Each structure stands twice: as structure tokens, then as C-alpha cells.
Amino acid sequence: MHIAIGSTNPIKIGAAERVMSALYPDARFSSVEVASGVAVQPRGDLETRTGAINRAVAAQQATDAEFGIGFEGGIVELDMGMFVCAWAAIAAKDDRIGVGGGNNMLLPNAVADLVRGGLELGEAMDQLFKTQDLSHREGAIGTFTDGLITRQDSFEYLLKMALAPFRTERWYREIRR
């Protein structure tokens, strides 16, 4: 079985490979850079979810894989402040689709203010912590939970939820792209 991941980010690749290898031990993985079709810094659940779905579909179609997987991280403004949000999607060759989202965590004002000022979350984190490519490692989630949950753990959890229509298919027969 061929599974395509719509990203070259090692955290997203690791999440997809860990979850899907447990289900499909003989799976072959490839990663492809595909467009999300949304802003570089998605805002809100709708835009972030759309990005994940677009990446999953594009990865599946670009490689003709059995499954394409897409992840998208974004931010959402709520009454308490700015939160991270994230979505995972899996698109099957036969047009079935699954999505999972959540993992909201409140961002400190120091980060939220930089994002509101125009920086992407990853850029804001790098600026604040004087790092490079933090989003390709622990990200905001790993940093602010002090490693209790990693960014990869977060994406693995979302992908597991996105797999619901594939694990209990009889309940989801009407869900298609």
C-alpha cells in the first residue's frame, strides 16, 4: 500500500508514518510538497480544516496513492485569546475522506501579539525563543506544555480521529469528497 503525505515537514511525516505503520505494516510512504490552497497562516477552524483536506487530496492525486494525508496548523481567536488549532485529513483513492481536528491550546499574549502583528505562528515562536524552524520540532505545543505533548503527538491524535470513517466504515458510507 502506498500512502502519500502532503508535506515535507518531518513532524508531519513522522506522525503519519507512526499511525499508519501500526495499521498497515507493509505501507510504503512518500512525502510531497503540495499547496494548501489557504493562507500561509490559516485563521480559524474552517480555513485550517480546508487546508488539511486540500493537502490530503492533492497528495493522493499527485502520487496516485491509496491514501493521501494532510495536516494543517492554524490559529483561532476565541473569547479568552488566541489558540492554536490543527486539523488532519485522509483522502482515499476511492473518494472517501476523513477529518479530525482540535488540540486547541491558549497562546501567551507575547506570541499572540506577534501573530496579530503579521507574523506566522512559527515565525513568532522563532523570534520569541531565538530559534530557527521550531515548527519542524516541538512547535508551540511542545514548548508551552514543556514537552508533556509534542507537536507530533498532537498530529498523531488528529490523524487517529480522521481515520474514524475508515475504521468503522459502515457508519460513514455517505462521507465522500
Protein backbone atom coordinates (compact mmCIF):
# COMPACT_ATOMS: atom_id res chain seq x y z
CA MET A 1 0.00 0.00 0.00
CA HIS A 2 1.23 3.46 -0.91
CA ILE A 3 0.48 6.36 1.45
CA ALA A 4 1.35 9.92 0.43
CA ILE A 5 1.87 12.70 2.95
CA GLY A 6 1.18 16.23 1.73
CA SER A 7 4.14 17.82 3.48
CA THR A 8 7.91 17.63 3.78
CA ASN A 9 7.81 18.72 7.44
CA PRO A 10 9.49 15.92 9.45
CA ILE A 11 6.98 16.26 12.31
CA LYS A 12 4.02 15.68 9.98
CA ILE A 13 5.79 12.85 8.17
CA GLY A 14 6.64 11.19 11.49
CA ALA A 15 3.05 11.46 12.70
CA ALA A 16 1.62 9.92 9.55
CA GLU A 17 4.19 7.13 9.44
CA ARG A 18 3.77 6.19 13.10
CA VAL A 19 -0.04 5.99 12.95
CA MET A 20 -0.35 4.38 9.54
CA SER A 21 2.51 1.88 10.03
CA ALA A 22 0.68 0.44 13.01
CA LEU A 23 -2.36 -0.19 10.81
CA TYR A 24 -0.55 -1.07 7.58
CA PRO A 25 2.85 -2.59 8.45
CA ASP A 26 3.78 -3.06 4.78
CA ALA A 27 2.90 0.51 3.78
CA ARG A 28 5.26 2.50 1.60
CA PHE A 29 5.35 6.22 2.33
CA SER A 30 6.20 9.22 0.22
CA SER A 31 6.07 12.89 1.07
CA VAL A 32 5.23 15.58 -1.43
CA GLU A 33 5.08 19.33 -1.09
CA VAL A 34 1.56 20.35 -2.10
CA ALA A 35 -0.37 23.58 -1.88
CA SER A 36 -2.86 24.02 0.93
CA GLY A 37 -4.99 26.49 -1.02
CA VAL A 38 -5.30 28.63 2.11
CA ALA A 39 -3.28 31.42 3.70
CA VAL A 40 0.22 30.62 4.90
CA GLN A 41 -1.09 31.33 8.40
CA PRO A 42 -4.61 29.86 8.41
CA ARG A 43 -7.07 31.58 10.71
CA GLY A 44 -10.00 29.73 12.17
CA ASP A 45 -11.10 26.13 12.01
CA LEU A 46 -12.75 26.39 8.60
CA GLU A 47 -9.64 27.69 6.82
CA THR A 48 -7.34 25.33 8.71
CA ARG A 49 -9.53 22.28 8.02
CA THR A 50 -9.79 23.27 4.35
CA GLY A 51 -6.00 23.37 4.15
CA ALA A 52 -5.68 19.86 5.61
CA ILE A 53 -8.27 18.46 3.22
CA ASN A 54 -6.68 20.19 0.23
CA ARG A 55 -3.27 18.77 1.15
CA ALA A 56 -4.63 15.24 1.59
CA VAL A 57 -6.45 15.27 -1.74
CA ALA A 58 -3.50 16.85 -3.57
CA ALA A 59 -1.04 14.31 -2.12
CA GLN A 60 -3.27 11.39 -3.07
CA GLN A 61 -3.83 12.69 -6.60
CA ALA A 62 -0.20 13.69 -7.22
CA THR A 63 1.05 10.20 -6.37
CA ASP A 64 -1.97 8.01 -7.16
CA ALA A 65 -1.54 6.57 -3.65
CA GLU A 66 -4.23 4.59 -1.87
CA PHE A 67 -4.30 7.31 0.79
CA GLY A 68 -3.22 10.94 0.93
CA ILE A 69 -2.71 12.56 4.31
CA GLY A 70 -2.81 16.28 5.03
CA PHE A 71 -2.13 18.22 8.20
CA GLU A 72 -2.69 21.93 8.76
CA GLY A 73 -1.96 24.03 11.81
CA GLY A 74 -3.60 27.39 12.35
CA ILE A 75 -4.76 29.86 14.92
CA VAL A 76 -8.21 30.78 16.12
CA GLU A 77 -9.31 33.82 18.12
CA LEU A 78 -11.73 32.97 20.92
CA ASP A 79 -13.12 34.91 23.85
CA MET A 80 -10.10 34.02 26.04
CA GLY A 81 -7.50 34.93 23.42
CA MET A 82 -5.62 33.29 20.56
CA PHE A 83 -5.43 29.50 20.44
CA VAL A 84 -3.59 27.08 18.19
CA CYS A 85 -5.82 24.82 16.17
CA ALA A 86 -4.99 21.93 13.90
CA TRP A 87 -6.67 19.51 11.53
CA ALA A 88 -5.75 16.25 9.86
CA ALA A 89 -7.38 14.76 6.78
CA ILE A 90 -7.07 11.47 4.94
CA ALA A 91 -8.27 11.16 1.35
CA ALA A 92 -8.67 7.71 -0.18
CA LYS A 93 -8.30 6.78 -3.82
CA ASP A 94 -12.00 5.77 -3.84
CA ASP A 95 -13.06 9.32 -2.76
CA ARG A 96 -13.67 8.50 0.90
CA ILE A 97 -12.44 11.18 3.28
CA GLY A 98 -11.90 11.53 6.99
CA VAL A 99 -11.08 14.58 9.10
CA GLY A 100 -10.08 15.12 12.69
CA GLY A 101 -9.47 18.40 14.45
CA GLY A 102 -8.94 20.14 17.72
CA ASN A 103 -5.93 20.27 20.01
CA ASN A 104 -6.62 23.87 20.94
CA MET A 105 -4.14 25.47 23.32
CA LEU A 106 -4.14 29.07 24.51
CA LEU A 107 -1.14 31.03 23.30
CA PRO A 108 0.57 33.54 25.60
CA ASN A 109 -0.07 37.17 24.73
CA ALA A 110 3.61 37.63 23.80
CA VAL A 111 3.12 35.18 20.90
CA ALA A 112 -0.44 36.17 20.04
CA ASP A 113 0.56 39.83 19.72
CA LEU A 114 3.32 38.95 17.23
CA VAL A 115 0.87 36.88 15.17
CA ARG A 116 -1.70 39.66 15.27
CA GLY A 117 1.08 41.94 14.05
CA GLY A 118 1.50 39.85 10.90
CA LEU A 119 3.93 37.05 11.73
CA GLU A 120 3.12 33.39 11.20
CA LEU A 121 2.96 31.40 14.43
CA GLY A 122 6.23 29.61 13.63
CA GLU A 123 7.97 32.90 12.91
CA ALA A 124 6.64 34.39 16.14
CA MET A 125 7.91 31.41 18.12
CA ASP A 126 11.33 31.58 16.45
CA GLN A 127 11.57 35.30 17.14
CA LEU A 128 10.50 34.99 20.76
CA PHE A 129 12.71 31.99 21.55
CA LYS A 130 15.58 32.95 19.23
CA THR A 131 15.38 29.64 17.34
CA GLN A 132 15.01 28.50 13.75
CA ASP A 133 12.31 26.18 12.44
CA LEU A 134 10.77 25.42 15.83
CA SER A 135 7.65 24.32 13.90
CA HIS A 136 9.71 21.45 12.46
CA ARG A 137 10.48 20.28 16.00
CA GLU A 138 8.46 20.81 19.18
CA GLY A 139 6.44 23.79 17.95
CA ALA A 140 4.27 25.90 20.22
CA ILE A 141 2.52 22.88 21.73
CA GLY A 142 5.73 21.16 22.81
CA THR A 143 7.26 24.41 24.00
CA PHE A 144 4.35 25.62 26.12
CA THR A 145 3.46 22.22 27.58
CA ASP A 146 7.15 21.78 28.43
CA GLY A 147 7.18 18.56 26.43
CA LEU A 148 4.09 16.98 28.00
CA ILE A 149 2.69 16.70 24.50
CA THR A 150 4.75 17.16 21.37
CA ARG A 151 3.65 18.63 18.07
CA GLN A 152 3.99 15.16 16.56
CA ASP A 153 1.83 13.64 19.33
CA SER A 154 -0.80 16.25 18.52
CA PHE A 155 -0.84 15.41 14.80
CA GLU A 156 -0.92 11.67 15.54
CA TYR A 157 -4.01 12.16 17.70
CA LEU A 158 -5.75 14.16 14.97
CA LEU A 159 -4.94 11.56 12.31
CA LYS A 160 -6.36 8.81 14.51
CA MET A 161 -9.62 10.76 14.72
CA ALA A 162 -9.59 11.33 10.96
CA LEU A 163 -9.41 7.57 10.49
CA ALA A 164 -12.86 7.01 12.05
CA PRO A 165 -14.64 6.64 8.66
CA PHE A 166 -12.06 4.02 7.64
CA ARG A 167 -12.12 2.09 10.92
CA THR A 168 -15.92 1.99 11.31
CA GLU A 169 -16.88 2.36 7.68
CA ARG A 170 -20.47 1.17 7.99
CA TRP A 171 -21.32 4.34 9.91
CA TYR A 172 -19.75 6.69 7.38
CA ARG A 173 -20.73 5.36 3.95
CA GLU A 174 -22.13 8.72 2.83
CA ILE A 175 -18.92 10.67 3.59
CA ARG A 176 -17.12 11.37 0.31
CA ARG A 177 -15.01 14.15 -1.16
